[in-house]
Amino acid sequence: MKVENPAAFRFLLEDELYLLNADKLLYDKITESELPAAVPLSPVTENAKPAPVTIVPSLTPEPQVVIKTPVDEFKYLGKNLKNFLVLTWYKNAGFIMAEHLTALENILKRKELNPDDVAIFNLANYSETKFSQLKTFFKPTKVLVLGGDALPQDIKVLKPNKPVTSNGITVLYSYSFDEMMDNVDYKKTFWELVKTL
């Protein structure tokens, strides 16, 4: 059966019809006067073959469902001007302990960076956060992970002090400041690796 006007379905079918939103708009625009005249039906015979069904595509495209994911809002220290993300883990500090921040700022100065060039993010405040969420929010090109606790749960496979570059992002997982403060060897290793970032 070929129906050129969707409004004619109500005369041909006795069951309830459910229209798509796009078709409802079209249906509302059609008036009774535009409906085709009823076509008389021929009697059904025993050996009659059913008429071929013609499918008429909808005049308007079906609406696309847009799924909006919530935008993550993270609090961090710095302005992330150079897309350099520093991940920390401090249960008793907002972002990083004051003495560790001073040490980090000295390291950044040696690399000709200032505190506004980086984003210091305390993962202890967002323990369920995945690295994929951080990538979307911060858009980092360099990531410095300070200690094993500061590793996001979906990149725990990183090896300490082995920089890895993937998809334009260089990630260095190294010692935390707690580990480095009293260990000269750790400080030297850390500085040699940070220079390469």
N, C-alpha and C. Protein backbone atom coordinates (compact mmCIF):
# COMPACT_ATOMS: atom_id res chain seq x y z
N MET A 1 0.85 -1.16 0.00
CA MET A 1 0.00 0.00 0.00
C MET A 1 0.90 1.23 0.00
N LYS A 2 0.62 2.14 -0.88
CA LYS A 2 1.41 3.37 -0.98
C LYS A 2 0.55 4.52 -0.49
N VAL A 3 1.08 5.20 0.51
CA VAL A 3 0.36 6.35 1.07
C VAL A 3 1.28 7.55 0.92
N GLU A 4 0.81 8.55 0.21
CA GLU A 4 1.62 9.72 -0.03
C GLU A 4 1.45 10.78 1.06
N ASN A 5 0.40 10.69 1.79
CA ASN A 5 0.15 11.67 2.82
C ASN A 5 0.01 10.94 4.15
N PRO A 6 0.89 11.19 5.13
CA PRO A 6 0.83 10.46 6.39
C PRO A 6 -0.48 10.64 7.15
N ALA A 7 -1.20 11.71 6.89
CA ALA A 7 -2.46 11.94 7.59
C ALA A 7 -3.52 10.93 7.16
N ALA A 8 -3.35 10.30 6.01
CA ALA A 8 -4.33 9.34 5.51
C ALA A 8 -4.29 8.03 6.29
N PHE A 9 -3.25 7.79 7.03
CA PHE A 9 -3.14 6.55 7.80
C PHE A 9 -4.31 6.38 8.77
N ARG A 10 -4.79 7.46 9.33
CA ARG A 10 -5.86 7.34 10.32
C ARG A 10 -7.15 6.81 9.70
N PHE A 11 -7.33 6.95 8.38
CA PHE A 11 -8.50 6.41 7.71
C PHE A 11 -8.30 4.95 7.30
N LEU A 12 -7.06 4.55 7.10
CA LEU A 12 -6.78 3.21 6.60
C LEU A 12 -6.50 2.21 7.71
N LEU A 13 -5.98 2.66 8.81
CA LEU A 13 -5.61 1.76 9.90
C LEU A 13 -6.48 2.05 11.11
N GLU A 14 -6.90 0.99 11.78
CA GLU A 14 -7.77 1.17 12.93
C GLU A 14 -7.00 1.26 14.23
N ASP A 15 -5.79 0.75 14.26
CA ASP A 15 -4.99 0.78 15.49
C ASP A 15 -4.41 2.16 15.72
N GLU A 16 -3.96 2.37 16.93
CA GLU A 16 -3.33 3.65 17.25
C GLU A 16 -1.97 3.74 16.58
N LEU A 17 -1.63 4.91 16.13
CA LEU A 17 -0.33 5.15 15.51
C LEU A 17 0.47 6.09 16.40
N TYR A 18 1.73 5.85 16.46
CA TYR A 18 2.63 6.72 17.21
C TYR A 18 3.60 7.32 16.22
N LEU A 19 3.62 8.62 16.15
CA LEU A 19 4.47 9.32 15.20
C LEU A 19 5.75 9.79 15.86
N LEU A 20 6.80 9.87 15.06
CA LEU A 20 8.04 10.47 15.52
C LEU A 20 7.84 11.98 15.62
N ASN A 21 8.67 12.61 16.43
CA ASN A 21 8.53 14.06 16.62
C ASN A 21 8.59 14.81 15.30
N ALA A 22 9.49 14.38 14.41
CA ALA A 22 9.62 15.06 13.13
C ALA A 22 8.35 14.89 12.30
N ASP A 23 7.71 13.71 12.38
CA ASP A 23 6.49 13.47 11.61
C ASP A 23 5.30 14.22 12.22
N LYS A 24 5.30 14.42 13.53
CA LYS A 24 4.20 15.14 14.17
C LYS A 24 4.10 16.55 13.61
N LEU A 25 5.24 17.19 13.40
CA LEU A 25 5.23 18.55 12.85
C LEU A 25 4.61 18.56 11.46
N LEU A 26 4.96 17.56 10.65
CA LEU A 26 4.42 17.47 9.31
C LEU A 26 2.92 17.20 9.36
N TYR A 27 2.50 16.32 10.27
CA TYR A 27 1.10 15.95 10.42
C TYR A 27 0.25 17.15 10.82
N ASP A 28 0.79 17.97 11.72
CA ASP A 28 0.04 19.13 12.18
C ASP A 28 -0.20 20.15 11.08
N LYS A 29 0.66 20.18 10.10
CA LYS A 29 0.55 21.18 9.03
C LYS A 29 -0.48 20.78 7.97
N ILE A 30 -0.86 19.51 7.96
CA ILE A 30 -1.79 19.02 6.94
C ILE A 30 -3.23 19.27 7.41
N THR A 31 -4.03 19.78 6.53
CA THR A 31 -5.44 20.03 6.87
C THR A 31 -6.30 18.94 6.26
N GLU A 32 -7.51 18.88 6.71
CA GLU A 32 -8.46 17.86 6.22
C GLU A 32 -8.66 17.97 4.71
N SER A 33 -8.62 19.17 4.16
CA SER A 33 -8.89 19.34 2.73
C SER A 33 -7.78 18.76 1.87
N GLU A 34 -6.60 18.58 2.44
CA GLU A 34 -5.48 18.06 1.66
C GLU A 34 -5.46 16.53 1.60
N LEU A 35 -6.33 15.88 2.37
CA LEU A 35 -6.34 14.43 2.39
C LEU A 35 -6.86 13.89 1.07
N PRO A 36 -6.29 12.78 0.58
CA PRO A 36 -6.77 12.21 -0.67
C PRO A 36 -8.14 11.57 -0.49
N ALA A 37 -8.87 11.46 -1.58
CA ALA A 37 -10.19 10.83 -1.53
C ALA A 37 -10.01 9.34 -1.25
N ALA A 38 -11.00 8.75 -0.60
CA ALA A 38 -10.92 7.33 -0.26
C ALA A 38 -10.93 6.51 -1.53
N VAL A 39 -10.09 5.49 -1.57
CA VAL A 39 -10.01 4.61 -2.74
C VAL A 39 -10.81 3.36 -2.42
N PRO A 40 -11.74 2.98 -3.31
CA PRO A 40 -12.53 1.79 -3.03
C PRO A 40 -11.63 0.55 -3.07
N LEU A 41 -11.90 -0.38 -2.18
CA LEU A 41 -11.11 -1.60 -2.11
C LEU A 41 -11.73 -2.64 -3.01
N SER A 42 -10.87 -3.42 -3.68
CA SER A 42 -11.37 -4.50 -4.53
C SER A 42 -11.63 -5.71 -3.66
N PRO A 43 -12.55 -6.57 -4.05
CA PRO A 43 -12.84 -7.74 -3.23
C PRO A 43 -11.63 -8.67 -3.19
N VAL A 44 -11.50 -9.36 -2.08
CA VAL A 44 -10.36 -10.25 -1.89
C VAL A 44 -10.70 -11.61 -2.48
N THR A 45 -9.81 -12.13 -3.29
CA THR A 45 -9.98 -13.48 -3.83
C THR A 45 -8.98 -14.39 -3.17
N GLU A 46 -9.24 -15.70 -3.29
CA GLU A 46 -8.42 -16.67 -2.59
C GLU A 46 -6.99 -16.70 -3.08
N ASN A 47 -6.76 -16.62 -4.36
CA ASN A 47 -5.42 -16.73 -4.94
C ASN A 47 -4.78 -15.38 -5.20
N ALA A 48 -5.37 -14.34 -4.70
CA ALA A 48 -4.82 -13.01 -4.97
C ALA A 48 -3.51 -12.81 -4.22
N LYS A 49 -2.57 -12.21 -4.93
CA LYS A 49 -1.27 -11.91 -4.31
C LYS A 49 -1.34 -10.52 -3.70
N PRO A 50 -0.72 -10.38 -2.55
CA PRO A 50 -0.75 -9.04 -1.95
C PRO A 50 0.01 -8.04 -2.81
N ALA A 51 -0.48 -6.85 -2.80
CA ALA A 51 0.17 -5.80 -3.58
C ALA A 51 1.52 -5.49 -2.94
N PRO A 52 2.51 -5.16 -3.77
CA PRO A 52 3.83 -4.85 -3.21
C PRO A 52 3.74 -3.60 -2.32
N VAL A 53 4.50 -3.64 -1.25
CA VAL A 53 4.51 -2.53 -0.30
C VAL A 53 5.56 -1.52 -0.73
N THR A 54 5.17 -0.29 -0.81
CA THR A 54 6.10 0.77 -1.15
C THR A 54 6.38 1.57 0.11
N ILE A 55 7.64 1.68 0.45
CA ILE A 55 8.02 2.43 1.64
C ILE A 55 8.40 3.84 1.21
N VAL A 56 7.71 4.80 1.76
CA VAL A 56 7.99 6.19 1.44
C VAL A 56 8.84 6.76 2.57
N PRO A 57 10.03 7.27 2.22
CA PRO A 57 10.86 7.84 3.29
C PRO A 57 10.20 9.09 3.86
N SER A 58 10.48 9.33 5.11
CA SER A 58 9.94 10.50 5.78
C SER A 58 10.42 11.77 5.08
N LEU A 59 9.55 12.75 5.03
CA LEU A 59 9.91 14.00 4.38
C LEU A 59 10.90 14.81 5.19
N THR A 60 10.87 14.63 6.49
CA THR A 60 11.83 15.33 7.34
C THR A 60 12.70 14.30 8.03
N PRO A 61 13.97 14.59 8.20
CA PRO A 61 14.85 13.61 8.85
C PRO A 61 14.48 13.42 10.31
N GLU A 62 14.75 12.20 10.80
CA GLU A 62 14.50 11.94 12.21
C GLU A 62 15.45 12.78 13.05
N PRO A 63 14.97 13.29 14.16
CA PRO A 63 15.85 14.11 14.99
C PRO A 63 16.97 13.26 15.58
N GLN A 64 18.16 13.81 15.60
CA GLN A 64 19.31 13.13 16.18
C GLN A 64 19.33 13.41 17.67
N VAL A 65 19.51 12.35 18.43
CA VAL A 65 19.57 12.50 19.88
C VAL A 65 20.97 12.96 20.25
N VAL A 66 21.06 14.07 20.94
CA VAL A 66 22.34 14.60 21.36
C VAL A 66 22.52 14.27 22.83
N ILE A 67 23.55 13.48 23.12
CA ILE A 67 23.82 13.11 24.50
C ILE A 67 24.86 14.07 25.03
N LYS A 68 24.49 14.80 26.04
CA LYS A 68 25.41 15.77 26.63
C LYS A 68 26.01 15.15 27.88
N THR A 69 27.33 15.06 27.87
CA THR A 69 28.00 14.55 29.07
C THR A 69 28.28 15.73 29.98
N PRO A 70 28.17 15.52 31.26
CA PRO A 70 28.41 16.65 32.16
C PRO A 70 29.87 17.09 32.08
N VAL A 71 30.05 18.37 32.07
CA VAL A 71 31.41 18.92 32.02
C VAL A 71 31.99 18.84 33.43
N ASP A 72 33.15 18.19 33.50
CA ASP A 72 33.81 18.08 34.79
C ASP A 72 34.37 19.44 35.19
N GLU A 73 34.17 19.79 36.42
CA GLU A 73 34.74 21.02 36.96
C GLU A 73 35.75 20.63 38.01
N PHE A 74 36.98 20.97 37.76
CA PHE A 74 38.05 20.63 38.69
C PHE A 74 38.66 21.91 39.24
N LYS A 75 39.04 21.86 40.51
CA LYS A 75 39.77 22.97 41.11
C LYS A 75 41.25 22.64 41.04
N TYR A 76 42.03 23.61 40.61
CA TYR A 76 43.47 23.40 40.48
C TYR A 76 44.20 24.71 40.74
N LEU A 77 45.49 24.59 40.95
CA LEU A 77 46.33 25.75 41.23
C LEU A 77 47.09 26.09 39.96
N GLY A 78 47.11 27.34 39.57
CA GLY A 78 47.78 27.77 38.34
C GLY A 78 46.74 28.11 37.28
N LYS A 79 47.26 28.50 36.11
CA LYS A 79 46.35 28.88 35.02
C LYS A 79 46.46 27.99 33.80
N ASN A 80 47.37 27.01 33.84
CA ASN A 80 47.52 26.04 32.75
C ASN A 80 47.81 26.71 31.40
N LEU A 81 48.61 27.78 31.42
CA LEU A 81 48.89 28.52 30.19
C LEU A 81 49.72 27.72 29.19
N LYS A 82 50.54 26.80 29.68
CA LYS A 82 51.40 26.00 28.77
C LYS A 82 50.95 24.55 28.70
N ASN A 83 49.75 24.26 29.15
CA ASN A 83 49.20 22.90 29.13
C ASN A 83 50.13 21.88 29.77
N PHE A 84 50.64 22.24 30.94
CA PHE A 84 51.55 21.40 31.71
C PHE A 84 50.79 21.02 32.99
N LEU A 85 50.42 19.75 33.09
CA LEU A 85 49.63 19.27 34.22
C LEU A 85 50.54 18.58 35.24
N VAL A 86 50.44 18.99 36.50
CA VAL A 86 51.20 18.37 37.59
C VAL A 86 50.18 17.70 38.52
N LEU A 87 50.28 16.37 38.63
CA LEU A 87 49.36 15.62 39.47
C LEU A 87 50.01 15.33 40.81
N THR A 88 49.30 15.67 41.89
CA THR A 88 49.81 15.46 43.24
C THR A 88 48.81 14.64 44.03
N TRP A 89 49.21 14.24 45.24
CA TRP A 89 48.32 13.52 46.15
C TRP A 89 48.59 14.00 47.56
N TYR A 90 47.74 14.87 48.07
CA TYR A 90 47.87 15.41 49.43
C TYR A 90 46.51 15.35 50.10
N LYS A 91 46.39 14.51 51.11
CA LYS A 91 45.13 14.41 51.86
C LYS A 91 44.88 15.63 52.71
N ASN A 92 45.96 16.26 53.21
CA ASN A 92 45.82 17.37 54.16
C ASN A 92 46.21 18.72 53.58
N ALA A 93 46.17 18.85 52.28
CA ALA A 93 46.49 20.14 51.64
C ALA A 93 45.55 20.33 50.46
N GLY A 94 45.31 21.60 50.12
CA GLY A 94 44.42 21.89 48.99
C GLY A 94 44.95 21.34 47.68
N PHE A 95 46.20 21.70 47.34
CA PHE A 95 46.79 21.27 46.08
C PHE A 95 48.16 20.63 46.29
N ILE A 96 48.97 21.29 47.13
CA ILE A 96 50.32 20.83 47.40
C ILE A 96 50.79 21.52 48.68
N MET A 97 51.62 20.87 49.46
CA MET A 97 52.12 21.48 50.70
C MET A 97 53.00 22.68 50.35
N ALA A 98 53.02 23.69 51.21
CA ALA A 98 53.72 24.95 50.94
C ALA A 98 55.21 24.73 50.64
N GLU A 99 55.89 23.91 51.44
CA GLU A 99 57.32 23.69 51.20
C GLU A 99 57.56 22.93 49.89
N HIS A 100 56.64 22.05 49.52
CA HIS A 100 56.76 21.32 48.25
C HIS A 100 56.46 22.25 47.07
N LEU A 101 55.52 23.18 47.26
CA LEU A 101 55.22 24.15 46.22
C LEU A 101 56.44 25.02 45.94
N THR A 102 57.16 25.43 46.99
CA THR A 102 58.37 26.23 46.81
C THR A 102 59.40 25.46 46.01
N ALA A 103 59.58 24.17 46.32
CA ALA A 103 60.52 23.33 45.58
C ALA A 103 60.09 23.19 44.13
N LEU A 104 58.80 22.99 43.90
CA LEU A 104 58.29 22.86 42.52
C LEU A 104 58.47 24.16 41.75
N GLU A 105 58.20 25.29 42.37
CA GLU A 105 58.38 26.58 41.70
C GLU A 105 59.84 26.79 41.31
N ASN A 106 60.78 26.37 42.16
CA ASN A 106 62.21 26.49 41.83
C ASN A 106 62.54 25.62 40.62
N ILE A 107 61.97 24.45 40.55
CA ILE A 107 62.19 23.56 39.39
C ILE A 107 61.61 24.20 38.14
N LEU A 108 60.42 24.76 38.26
CA LEU A 108 59.78 25.40 37.11
C LEU A 108 60.60 26.60 36.62
N LYS A 109 61.17 27.38 37.54
CA LYS A 109 62.00 28.53 37.15
C LYS A 109 63.19 28.08 36.32
N ARG A 110 63.80 26.96 36.71
CA ARG A 110 64.93 26.44 35.94
C ARG A 110 64.51 26.04 34.53
N LYS A 111 63.26 25.69 34.37
CA LYS A 111 62.75 25.34 33.04
C LYS A 111 62.12 26.55 32.34
N GLU A 112 62.31 27.73 32.93
CA GLU A 112 61.77 28.98 32.40
C GLU A 112 60.25 28.95 32.33
N LEU A 113 59.65 28.38 33.38
CA LEU A 113 58.20 28.36 33.51
C LEU A 113 57.83 29.07 34.81
N ASN A 114 56.66 29.67 34.84
CA ASN A 114 56.19 30.25 36.09
C ASN A 114 54.96 29.48 36.57
N PRO A 115 54.52 29.71 37.79
CA PRO A 115 53.39 28.93 38.33
C PRO A 115 52.11 29.00 37.51
N ASP A 116 51.90 30.09 36.77
CA ASP A 116 50.69 30.20 35.95
C ASP A 116 50.76 29.33 34.70
N ASP A 117 51.95 28.88 34.33
CA ASP A 117 52.10 28.06 33.13
C ASP A 117 51.63 26.63 33.35
N VAL A 118 51.48 26.21 34.60
CA VAL A 118 51.11 24.83 34.91
C VAL A 118 49.75 24.79 35.61
N ALA A 119 49.21 23.59 35.71
CA ALA A 119 48.02 23.34 36.52
C ALA A 119 48.40 22.27 37.53
N ILE A 120 48.35 22.61 38.81
CA ILE A 120 48.66 21.65 39.87
C ILE A 120 47.33 21.10 40.37
N PHE A 121 47.15 19.82 40.18
CA PHE A 121 45.87 19.17 40.47
C PHE A 121 46.08 18.09 41.53
N ASN A 122 45.38 18.22 42.65
CA ASN A 122 45.48 17.26 43.74
C ASN A 122 44.47 16.14 43.53
N LEU A 123 44.96 14.99 43.13
CA LEU A 123 44.09 13.85 42.82
C LEU A 123 43.43 13.27 44.08
N ALA A 124 43.95 13.59 45.26
CA ALA A 124 43.33 13.10 46.50
C ALA A 124 41.92 13.66 46.66
N ASN A 125 41.66 14.82 46.09
CA ASN A 125 40.33 15.43 46.17
C ASN A 125 39.37 14.85 45.14
N TYR A 126 39.89 14.12 44.15
CA TYR A 126 39.09 13.55 43.06
C TYR A 126 39.58 12.13 42.79
N SER A 127 39.53 11.27 43.77
CA SER A 127 40.17 9.95 43.67
C SER A 127 39.56 9.06 42.59
N GLU A 128 38.32 9.28 42.20
CA GLU A 128 37.68 8.45 41.18
C GLU A 128 37.90 8.99 39.76
N THR A 129 38.63 10.08 39.64
CA THR A 129 38.83 10.71 38.34
C THR A 129 39.77 9.88 37.48
N LYS A 130 39.41 9.75 36.22
CA LYS A 130 40.23 9.00 35.27
C LYS A 130 41.07 9.97 34.46
N PHE A 131 42.17 9.45 33.91
CA PHE A 131 43.06 10.28 33.12
C PHE A 131 42.35 10.82 31.88
N SER A 132 41.44 10.04 31.32
CA SER A 132 40.70 10.50 30.14
C SER A 132 39.91 11.78 30.46
N GLN A 133 39.37 11.88 31.67
CA GLN A 133 38.65 13.09 32.07
C GLN A 133 39.62 14.27 32.21
N LEU A 134 40.79 13.99 32.76
CA LEU A 134 41.79 15.05 32.92
C LEU A 134 42.28 15.54 31.56
N LYS A 135 42.47 14.62 30.63
CA LYS A 135 42.90 15.01 29.28
C LYS A 135 41.88 15.93 28.63
N THR A 136 40.61 15.59 28.78
CA THR A 136 39.55 16.40 28.19
C THR A 136 39.50 17.79 28.81
N PHE A 137 39.65 17.86 30.11
CA PHE A 137 39.53 19.14 30.81
C PHE A 137 40.77 20.01 30.65
N PHE A 138 41.97 19.45 30.88
CA PHE A 138 43.19 20.25 30.89
C PHE A 138 43.86 20.34 29.52
N LYS A 139 43.62 19.39 28.64
CA LYS A 139 44.27 19.33 27.33
C LYS A 139 45.79 19.44 27.46
N PRO A 140 46.39 18.58 28.28
CA PRO A 140 47.83 18.72 28.53
C PRO A 140 48.69 18.20 27.38
N THR A 141 49.88 18.80 27.26
CA THR A 141 50.89 18.25 26.36
C THR A 141 51.99 17.59 27.18
N LYS A 142 52.09 18.00 28.46
CA LYS A 142 53.06 17.42 29.39
C LYS A 142 52.35 17.15 30.71
N VAL A 143 52.65 15.98 31.29
CA VAL A 143 52.05 15.61 32.57
C VAL A 143 53.16 15.11 33.48
N LEU A 144 53.21 15.66 34.68
CA LEU A 144 54.17 15.23 35.69
C LEU A 144 53.37 14.63 36.84
N VAL A 145 53.59 13.35 37.12
CA VAL A 145 52.88 12.64 38.18
C VAL A 145 53.84 12.49 39.35
N LEU A 146 53.50 13.12 40.47
CA LEU A 146 54.37 13.12 41.64
C LEU A 146 53.95 12.03 42.63
N GLY A 147 54.51 10.85 42.46
CA GLY A 147 54.26 9.74 43.37
C GLY A 147 53.21 8.78 42.87
N GLY A 148 53.28 7.56 43.38
CA GLY A 148 52.36 6.50 42.96
C GLY A 148 50.91 6.77 43.29
N ASP A 149 50.65 7.45 44.40
CA ASP A 149 49.27 7.76 44.76
C ASP A 149 48.63 8.74 43.78
N ALA A 150 49.44 9.55 43.12
CA ALA A 150 48.92 10.57 42.21
C ALA A 150 48.63 10.02 40.81
N LEU A 151 48.85 8.71 40.61
CA LEU A 151 48.54 8.10 39.32
C LEU A 151 47.03 7.92 39.19
N PRO A 152 46.43 8.45 38.13
CA PRO A 152 44.99 8.19 37.92
C PRO A 152 44.78 6.69 37.73
N GLN A 153 43.60 6.21 38.07
CA GLN A 153 43.35 4.78 38.08
C GLN A 153 43.45 4.12 36.72
N ASP A 154 43.27 4.86 35.61
CA ASP A 154 43.34 4.21 34.31
C ASP A 154 44.72 4.29 33.66
N ILE A 155 45.75 4.79 34.36
CA ILE A 155 47.12 4.74 33.80
C ILE A 155 48.11 4.18 34.82
N LYS A 156 47.69 3.24 35.60
CA LYS A 156 48.56 2.65 36.63
C LYS A 156 49.69 1.82 36.02
N VAL A 157 49.71 1.62 34.71
CA VAL A 157 50.72 0.79 34.08
C VAL A 157 52.05 1.52 33.85
N LEU A 158 52.10 2.81 34.12
CA LEU A 158 53.34 3.56 33.91
C LEU A 158 54.43 3.07 34.84
N LYS A 159 55.65 3.08 34.33
CA LYS A 159 56.80 2.69 35.15
C LYS A 159 57.46 3.95 35.69
N PRO A 160 57.92 3.91 36.94
CA PRO A 160 58.54 5.09 37.53
C PRO A 160 59.78 5.53 36.75
N ASN A 161 59.90 6.83 36.58
CA ASN A 161 61.07 7.47 35.97
C ASN A 161 61.34 7.02 34.54
N LYS A 162 60.29 6.67 33.82
CA LYS A 162 60.38 6.32 32.40
C LYS A 162 59.37 7.18 31.65
N PRO A 163 59.79 8.33 31.09
CA PRO A 163 58.82 9.18 30.37
C PRO A 163 58.20 8.43 29.19
N VAL A 164 56.92 8.64 28.99
CA VAL A 164 56.18 7.99 27.91
C VAL A 164 55.47 9.08 27.12
N THR A 165 55.56 8.99 25.79
CA THR A 165 54.84 9.93 24.93
C THR A 165 53.82 9.15 24.11
N SER A 166 52.57 9.61 24.16
CA SER A 166 51.50 8.97 23.41
C SER A 166 50.46 10.02 23.05
N ASN A 167 50.04 10.00 21.81
CA ASN A 167 49.01 10.94 21.33
C ASN A 167 49.36 12.40 21.63
N GLY A 168 50.61 12.75 21.50
CA GLY A 168 51.04 14.13 21.72
C GLY A 168 51.17 14.54 23.17
N ILE A 169 51.06 13.60 24.10
CA ILE A 169 51.17 13.90 25.53
C ILE A 169 52.36 13.14 26.09
N THR A 170 53.28 13.87 26.73
CA THR A 170 54.41 13.24 27.40
C THR A 170 54.09 13.16 28.89
N VAL A 171 54.17 11.93 29.44
CA VAL A 171 53.85 11.71 30.84
C VAL A 171 55.10 11.19 31.55
N LEU A 172 55.43 11.85 32.66
CA LEU A 172 56.53 11.41 33.51
C LEU A 172 55.97 11.11 34.89
N TYR A 173 56.11 9.84 35.28
CA TYR A 173 55.70 9.41 36.62
C TYR A 173 56.97 9.27 37.42
N SER A 174 57.10 10.05 38.49
CA SER A 174 58.33 10.05 39.28
C SER A 174 58.00 10.07 40.77
N TYR A 175 59.00 10.43 41.55
CA TYR A 175 58.86 10.43 43.00
C TYR A 175 57.96 11.56 43.48
N SER A 176 57.35 11.34 44.64
CA SER A 176 56.62 12.43 45.29
C SER A 176 57.64 13.29 46.02
N PHE A 177 57.25 14.50 46.39
CA PHE A 177 58.16 15.38 47.13
C PHE A 177 58.49 14.79 48.50
N ASP A 178 57.54 14.07 49.10
CA ASP A 178 57.83 13.42 50.38
C ASP A 178 59.01 12.45 50.24
N GLU A 179 59.06 11.73 49.14
CA GLU A 179 60.15 10.77 48.89
C GLU A 179 61.46 11.49 48.58
N MET A 180 61.37 12.63 47.91
CA MET A 180 62.58 13.32 47.45
C MET A 180 63.23 14.22 48.49
N MET A 181 62.46 14.76 49.40
CA MET A 181 62.98 15.81 50.28
C MET A 181 64.24 15.40 51.04
N ASP A 182 64.38 14.16 51.43
CA ASP A 182 65.55 13.72 52.19
C ASP A 182 66.45 12.77 51.41
N ASN A 183 66.26 12.68 50.10
CA ASN A 183 67.04 11.73 49.31
C ASN A 183 67.67 12.47 48.13
N VAL A 184 68.98 12.67 48.20
CA VAL A 184 69.70 13.43 47.17
C VAL A 184 69.67 12.70 45.83
N ASP A 185 69.79 11.38 45.85
CA ASP A 185 69.77 10.61 44.61
C ASP A 185 68.43 10.74 43.88
N TYR A 186 67.34 10.70 44.64
CA TYR A 186 66.02 10.86 44.05
C TYR A 186 65.87 12.25 43.43
N LYS A 187 66.41 13.27 44.12
CA LYS A 187 66.34 14.64 43.60
C LYS A 187 67.08 14.75 42.27
N LYS A 188 68.28 14.16 42.21
CA LYS A 188 69.08 14.22 40.97
C LYS A 188 68.35 13.52 39.83
N THR A 189 67.86 12.33 40.11
CA THR A 189 67.13 11.57 39.07
C THR A 189 65.92 12.35 38.60
N PHE A 190 65.17 12.89 39.54
CA PHE A 190 63.98 13.67 39.21
C PHE A 190 64.33 14.87 38.32
N TRP A 191 65.36 15.63 38.70
CA TRP A 191 65.73 16.82 37.93
C TRP A 191 66.18 16.45 36.52
N GLU A 192 66.95 15.39 36.37
CA GLU A 192 67.42 14.97 35.04
C GLU A 192 66.24 14.61 34.15
N LEU A 193 65.24 13.99 34.72
CA LEU A 193 64.05 13.60 33.93
C LEU A 193 63.16 14.81 33.63
N VAL A 194 62.99 15.70 34.60
CA VAL A 194 62.13 16.86 34.39
C VAL A 194 62.73 17.77 33.32
N LYS A 195 64.05 17.82 33.22
CA LYS A 195 64.68 18.66 32.18
C LYS A 195 64.25 18.23 30.79
N THR A 196 63.93 16.94 30.61
CA THR A 196 63.55 16.45 29.28
C THR A 196 62.10 16.77 28.92
N LEU A 197 61.31 17.14 29.91
CA LEU A 197 59.90 17.46 29.61
C LEU A 197 59.77 18.76 28.84
